[in-house]
Amino acid sequence: MTHDNNGKVTALIMAGKRSGVLDPLAERAGVAQKCVVPVGGMPMIERVVMNVAASPRIGEIRVVAHEADEIAAIPSIAKLQAEGRLVFKPGAFNLVDSVFAGAEGADYPLLITTADNCLWLPEDFTEFADKAIASKAGAAAALAHKEDVRAADPQGQSRFYEFSDGGYSNCNAYWIGTPQALAAAEIMRGGGQFVKFPRRIAKAFGVINLIRFFLGWGTKEKLFAQVSRRFGFSMVPIEMSHGHCAIDVDNERTFQVTEKLLAKRLAAA
């Protein structure tokens, strides 16, 4: 395992699928897995890969997938693979073990995102990497402010992580600065979704931090600092500039929202 990547960041794009379950969006599109469903006229994994690849901060791209052949058949992805810029890593039984598998032998730091983060632009990946590097974080999570998310999707989510400095939404993008900090991936073993499943906060962060979280005691930075002490390395919240970073393609509603925002972006361009 090496740690000199010429100043570049290794990107892990999680493109797995649930075992034995065909995603409704994939079924409708006639494909084997959700990550190749066309969104805005392009397979979502292709859109994410192209935007990751266009960020000047990103070096190697690792796509962690259970069914790589369908993804590798996409011409632009095949080109990156032939150039040696992109490699495939096999997905494991669950998200956390898939992250561990994708990270094996990688150069650090790692930027982890998901194949359905279709609205992230190259400048968003660059912003996240720059802020994480500047913070000297062992691990970090991208968050978007409630008002920014609602501005992008007024009929969207109603539940947010509430801190004394406002409400925030998770953006499905994470930073792992060192191999030692990879332990932070264990937080996601329950699947995330802490707002919906409070017990997951207690398991990952501790009961006291669960109480602080739900009572809104302190800023997001203060809570992350308290969690950092629990894990033994610095964990940092990274606030993104744009609310669209918190919108991924989870279901039919967010699929339609993403298509609308992509169309609006194209019209503005």
Protein backbone atom coordinates (compact mmCIF):
# COMPACT_ATOMS: atom_id res chain seq x y z
CA MET A 1 0.00 0.00 0.00
CA THR A 2 1.55 3.27 -1.13
CA HIS A 3 0.78 6.81 -0.13
CA ASP A 4 2.49 9.02 -2.76
CA ASN A 5 -0.01 9.81 -5.51
CA ASN A 6 1.74 12.90 -6.95
CA GLY A 7 -0.58 15.12 -4.99
CA LYS A 8 -3.64 13.45 -6.48
CA VAL A 9 -6.62 11.87 -4.74
CA THR A 10 -7.82 8.32 -5.43
CA ALA A 11 -11.56 8.17 -6.16
CA LEU A 12 -13.65 5.18 -5.09
CA ILE A 13 -17.00 5.09 -6.88
CA MET A 14 -19.37 2.65 -5.22
CA ALA A 15 -21.43 0.99 -7.95
CA GLY A 16 -22.64 -2.18 -6.26
CA LYS A 17 -26.11 -3.70 -6.21
CA ARG A 18 -28.24 -5.41 -3.62
CA SER A 19 -27.88 -9.15 -3.81
CA GLY A 20 -30.86 -10.86 -5.41
CA VAL A 21 -32.83 -7.62 -5.83
CA LEU A 22 -33.45 -5.84 -9.13
CA ASP A 23 -33.81 -2.12 -8.54
CA PRO A 24 -37.16 -0.73 -9.83
CA LEU A 25 -35.37 1.93 -11.90
CA ALA A 26 -33.12 -0.74 -13.45
CA GLU A 27 -36.11 -2.96 -14.20
CA ARG A 28 -37.92 -0.11 -15.95
CA ALA A 29 -34.81 0.75 -17.99
CA GLY A 30 -34.19 -2.87 -18.95
CA VAL A 31 -30.70 -3.06 -17.41
CA ALA A 32 -29.20 -5.38 -14.80
CA GLN A 33 -28.21 -2.75 -12.23
CA LYS A 34 -29.22 0.75 -11.20
CA CYS A 35 -25.87 2.38 -11.88
CA VAL A 36 -26.27 2.03 -15.66
CA VAL A 37 -29.80 3.49 -15.78
CA PRO A 38 -29.75 6.48 -18.17
CA VAL A 39 -30.31 9.81 -16.42
CA GLY A 40 -30.40 12.87 -18.62
CA GLY A 41 -29.51 10.64 -21.59
CA MET A 42 -26.37 9.13 -20.00
CA PRO A 43 -25.84 6.10 -17.73
CA MET A 44 -25.52 7.49 -14.22
CA ILE A 45 -22.19 5.72 -13.59
CA GLU A 46 -20.79 7.26 -16.78
CA ARG A 47 -21.86 10.73 -15.70
CA VAL A 48 -20.23 10.34 -12.28
CA VAL A 49 -17.03 8.85 -13.72
CA MET A 50 -16.69 11.62 -16.32
CA ASN A 51 -17.18 14.35 -13.72
CA VAL A 52 -14.75 12.70 -11.30
CA ALA A 53 -12.18 12.29 -14.08
CA ALA A 54 -12.51 15.97 -15.04
CA SER A 55 -11.52 17.16 -11.56
CA PRO A 56 -7.85 18.16 -11.49
CA ARG A 57 -7.57 16.72 -7.95
CA ILE A 58 -8.41 13.15 -8.95
CA GLY A 59 -5.79 10.61 -9.98
CA GLU A 60 -6.76 6.94 -10.14
CA ILE A 61 -10.44 6.06 -10.35
CA ARG A 62 -11.62 2.80 -8.80
CA VAL A 63 -15.12 1.56 -9.60
CA VAL A 64 -16.31 -0.94 -7.00
CA ALA A 65 -18.95 -3.12 -8.65
CA HIS A 66 -20.58 -6.53 -8.47
CA GLU A 67 -21.24 -6.68 -12.22
CA ALA A 68 -18.39 -4.82 -13.89
CA ASP A 69 -18.93 -6.08 -17.46
CA GLU A 70 -22.06 -4.03 -18.04
CA ILE A 71 -20.25 -0.91 -16.81
CA ALA A 72 -17.01 -1.63 -18.69
CA ALA A 73 -18.97 -1.87 -21.95
CA ILE A 74 -19.67 1.89 -21.81
CA PRO A 75 -17.20 3.36 -24.37
CA SER A 76 -15.98 6.35 -22.32
CA ILE A 77 -15.36 4.11 -19.30
CA ALA A 78 -13.65 1.49 -21.47
CA LYS A 79 -11.35 4.25 -22.77
CA LEU A 80 -10.34 5.32 -19.25
CA GLN A 81 -9.73 1.68 -18.35
CA ALA A 82 -7.54 1.16 -21.45
CA GLU A 83 -5.55 4.28 -20.52
CA GLY A 84 -4.90 2.86 -17.04
CA ARG A 85 -6.76 5.71 -15.35
CA LEU A 86 -9.67 3.53 -14.18
CA VAL A 87 -9.73 0.08 -12.60
CA PHE A 88 -12.56 -2.14 -11.38
CA LYS A 89 -12.64 -3.68 -7.92
CA PRO A 90 -15.10 -6.40 -6.91
CA GLY A 91 -17.93 -5.43 -4.60
CA ALA A 92 -18.39 -7.34 -1.36
CA PHE A 93 -21.48 -8.47 0.53
CA ASN A 94 -22.14 -5.06 2.11
CA LEU A 95 -21.18 -1.41 1.69
CA VAL A 96 -18.43 -1.31 4.31
CA ASP A 97 -16.63 -4.41 3.11
CA SER A 98 -16.97 -3.10 -0.46
CA VAL A 99 -15.18 0.09 0.65
CA PHE A 100 -12.42 -2.00 2.26
CA ALA A 101 -12.11 -4.08 -0.94
CA GLY A 102 -11.97 -0.97 -3.11
CA ALA A 103 -9.34 0.65 -0.90
CA GLU A 104 -6.98 -2.33 -0.86
CA GLY A 105 -3.59 -1.27 -2.23
CA ALA A 106 -4.81 2.25 -3.03
CA ASP A 107 -2.86 5.48 -2.72
CA TYR A 108 -4.24 7.85 -0.10
CA PRO A 109 -6.14 10.06 0.38
CA LEU A 110 -9.40 8.52 -0.85
CA LEU A 111 -12.53 10.32 -2.00
CA ILE A 112 -15.50 7.96 -1.80
CA THR A 113 -18.73 8.67 -3.65
CA THR A 114 -21.63 6.72 -5.14
CA ALA A 115 -22.61 5.96 -8.72
CA ASP A 116 -25.94 7.75 -8.29
CA ASN A 117 -24.42 11.14 -7.34
CA CYS A 118 -25.34 12.37 -10.81
CA LEU A 119 -25.55 16.08 -10.00
CA TRP A 120 -21.99 16.50 -8.73
CA LEU A 121 -19.82 18.49 -11.15
CA PRO A 122 -16.00 18.39 -11.46
CA GLU A 123 -15.81 21.60 -9.43
CA ASP A 124 -17.83 19.96 -6.63
CA PHE A 125 -15.34 17.08 -6.37
CA THR A 126 -12.50 19.60 -6.46
CA GLU A 127 -14.14 21.72 -3.74
CA PHE A 128 -14.62 18.71 -1.47
CA ALA A 129 -11.03 17.52 -1.96
CA ASP A 130 -9.56 21.01 -1.46
CA LYS A 131 -11.51 21.61 1.75
CA ALA A 132 -10.67 18.15 3.12
CA ILE A 133 -6.97 18.65 2.37
CA ALA A 134 -6.99 22.11 3.95
CA SER A 135 -8.68 20.73 7.08
CA LYS A 136 -6.01 18.01 7.44
CA ALA A 137 -8.88 15.62 8.15
CA GLY A 138 -8.31 11.97 8.92
CA ALA A 139 -11.85 11.43 7.67
CA ALA A 140 -14.54 13.79 6.45
CA ALA A 141 -18.13 13.83 5.23
CA ALA A 142 -19.68 16.21 2.72
CA LEU A 143 -22.78 18.05 3.94
CA ALA A 144 -25.11 20.56 2.29
CA HIS A 145 -27.04 23.27 4.16
CA LYS A 146 -30.79 22.76 4.46
CA GLU A 147 -31.64 26.02 2.69
CA ASP A 148 -29.39 25.17 -0.24
CA VAL A 149 -30.93 21.71 -0.59
CA ARG A 150 -34.45 23.11 -0.50
CA ALA A 151 -33.51 25.75 -3.07
CA ALA A 152 -32.41 22.97 -5.42
CA ASP A 153 -35.37 20.67 -4.63
CA PRO A 154 -38.24 22.53 -2.90
CA GLN A 155 -40.42 19.39 -2.63
CA GLY A 156 -37.59 17.19 -1.44
CA GLN A 157 -36.56 15.87 1.93
CA SER A 158 -38.04 17.24 5.12
CA ARG A 159 -35.64 15.74 7.66
CA PHE A 160 -32.12 17.04 8.22
CA TYR A 161 -29.27 16.68 10.68
CA GLU A 162 -29.95 19.58 13.04
CA PHE A 163 -27.09 21.40 14.76
CA SER A 164 -26.99 24.73 16.54
CA ASP A 165 -25.63 26.28 13.34
CA GLY A 166 -28.44 24.95 11.15
CA GLY A 167 -29.77 21.88 9.39
CA TYR A 168 -27.66 19.82 7.00
CA SER A 169 -28.06 16.90 4.62
CA ASN A 170 -25.59 14.14 3.86
CA CYS A 171 -24.12 14.26 0.34
CA ASN A 172 -22.93 10.63 -0.04
CA ALA A 173 -19.31 11.70 -0.39
CA TYR A 174 -16.61 10.84 2.13
CA TRP A 175 -12.90 11.44 2.66
CA ILE A 176 -10.41 8.96 4.06
CA GLY A 177 -7.06 10.64 4.63
CA THR A 178 -4.99 7.70 5.84
CA PRO A 179 -5.19 3.90 6.05
CA GLN A 180 -5.72 4.23 9.82
CA ALA A 181 -8.77 6.43 9.23
CA LEU A 182 -10.37 3.74 7.07
CA ALA A 183 -11.91 2.57 10.34
CA ALA A 184 -14.37 5.45 9.83
CA ALA A 185 -16.03 3.36 7.13
CA GLU A 186 -17.43 1.17 9.92
CA ILE A 187 -19.85 4.03 10.62
CA MET A 188 -21.69 3.06 7.44
CA ARG A 189 -22.04 -0.65 8.26
CA GLY A 190 -25.64 -0.05 9.30
CA GLY A 191 -26.32 1.66 5.99
CA GLY A 192 -26.19 5.29 7.13
CA GLN A 193 -29.58 7.06 7.15
CA PHE A 194 -28.98 8.26 10.72
CA VAL A 195 -31.92 10.66 10.67
CA LYS A 196 -34.33 7.77 9.98
CA PHE A 197 -32.62 5.25 12.28
CA PRO A 198 -31.39 6.89 15.52
CA ARG A 199 -29.97 3.63 16.90
CA ARG A 200 -27.34 3.79 14.18
CA ILE A 201 -26.00 7.05 15.65
CA ALA A 202 -25.78 5.46 19.09
CA LYS A 203 -23.93 2.45 17.69
CA ALA A 204 -21.54 4.49 15.55
CA PHE A 205 -20.95 7.57 17.67
CA GLY A 206 -22.02 6.69 21.22
CA VAL A 207 -25.13 7.39 23.28
CA ILE A 208 -23.95 10.76 24.63
CA ASN A 209 -23.34 12.04 21.12
CA LEU A 210 -26.78 10.72 20.12
CA ILE A 211 -28.33 12.86 22.87
CA ARG A 212 -26.29 15.91 21.84
CA PHE A 213 -27.29 15.31 18.21
CA PHE A 214 -31.03 15.19 18.84
CA LEU A 215 -31.00 18.09 21.29
CA GLY A 216 -29.06 20.19 18.80
CA TRP A 217 -26.27 20.88 21.29
CA GLY A 218 -23.39 22.57 19.54
CA THR A 219 -22.28 23.17 15.99
CA LYS A 220 -21.58 20.41 13.52
CA GLU A 221 -17.86 21.09 14.04
CA LYS A 222 -18.22 20.58 17.80
CA LEU A 223 -20.07 17.29 17.42
CA PHE A 224 -17.55 16.00 14.87
CA ALA A 225 -14.72 16.99 17.24
CA GLN A 226 -16.38 14.96 20.03
CA VAL A 227 -16.76 11.99 17.67
CA SER A 228 -13.11 12.40 16.66
CA ARG A 229 -12.07 11.77 20.24
CA ARG A 230 -14.10 8.56 20.22
CA PHE A 231 -12.35 7.30 17.07
CA GLY A 232 -8.88 8.65 17.81
CA PHE A 233 -8.40 10.72 14.67
CA SER A 234 -9.81 13.93 13.21
CA MET A 235 -13.24 13.68 11.60
CA VAL A 236 -14.44 16.85 9.88
CA PRO A 237 -17.72 18.03 8.35
CA ILE A 238 -17.21 19.64 4.92
CA GLU A 239 -19.95 22.07 3.93
CA MET A 240 -20.52 22.09 0.18
CA SER A 241 -21.44 25.27 -1.68
CA HIS A 242 -24.37 23.78 -3.61
CA GLY A 243 -27.53 22.03 -2.47
CA HIS A 244 -27.59 19.76 -5.51
CA CYS A 245 -24.72 17.81 -3.93
CA ALA A 246 -27.23 16.28 -1.49
CA ILE A 247 -29.54 14.94 -4.23
CA ASP A 248 -28.85 11.45 -5.55
CA VAL A 249 -30.99 9.05 -7.58
CA ASP A 250 -32.64 6.86 -4.95
CA ASN A 251 -36.11 6.38 -6.40
CA GLU A 252 -38.55 7.57 -9.06
CA ARG A 253 -39.05 10.97 -7.42
CA THR A 254 -35.35 11.78 -7.16
CA PHE A 255 -34.84 10.40 -10.67
CA GLN A 256 -37.35 12.95 -11.98
CA VAL A 257 -35.82 15.75 -9.90
CA THR A 258 -32.34 14.91 -11.19
CA GLU A 259 -33.52 14.85 -14.81
CA LYS A 260 -35.19 18.24 -14.32
CA LEU A 261 -32.09 19.79 -12.78
CA LEU A 262 -29.83 18.35 -15.49
CA ALA A 263 -32.14 19.75 -18.17
CA LYS A 264 -32.13 23.15 -16.46
CA ARG A 265 -28.33 23.04 -16.25
CA LEU A 266 -28.08 22.18 -19.98
CA ALA A 267 -30.46 25.01 -20.93
CA ALA A 268 -28.45 27.49 -18.89
CA ALA A 269 -25.24 26.38 -20.56
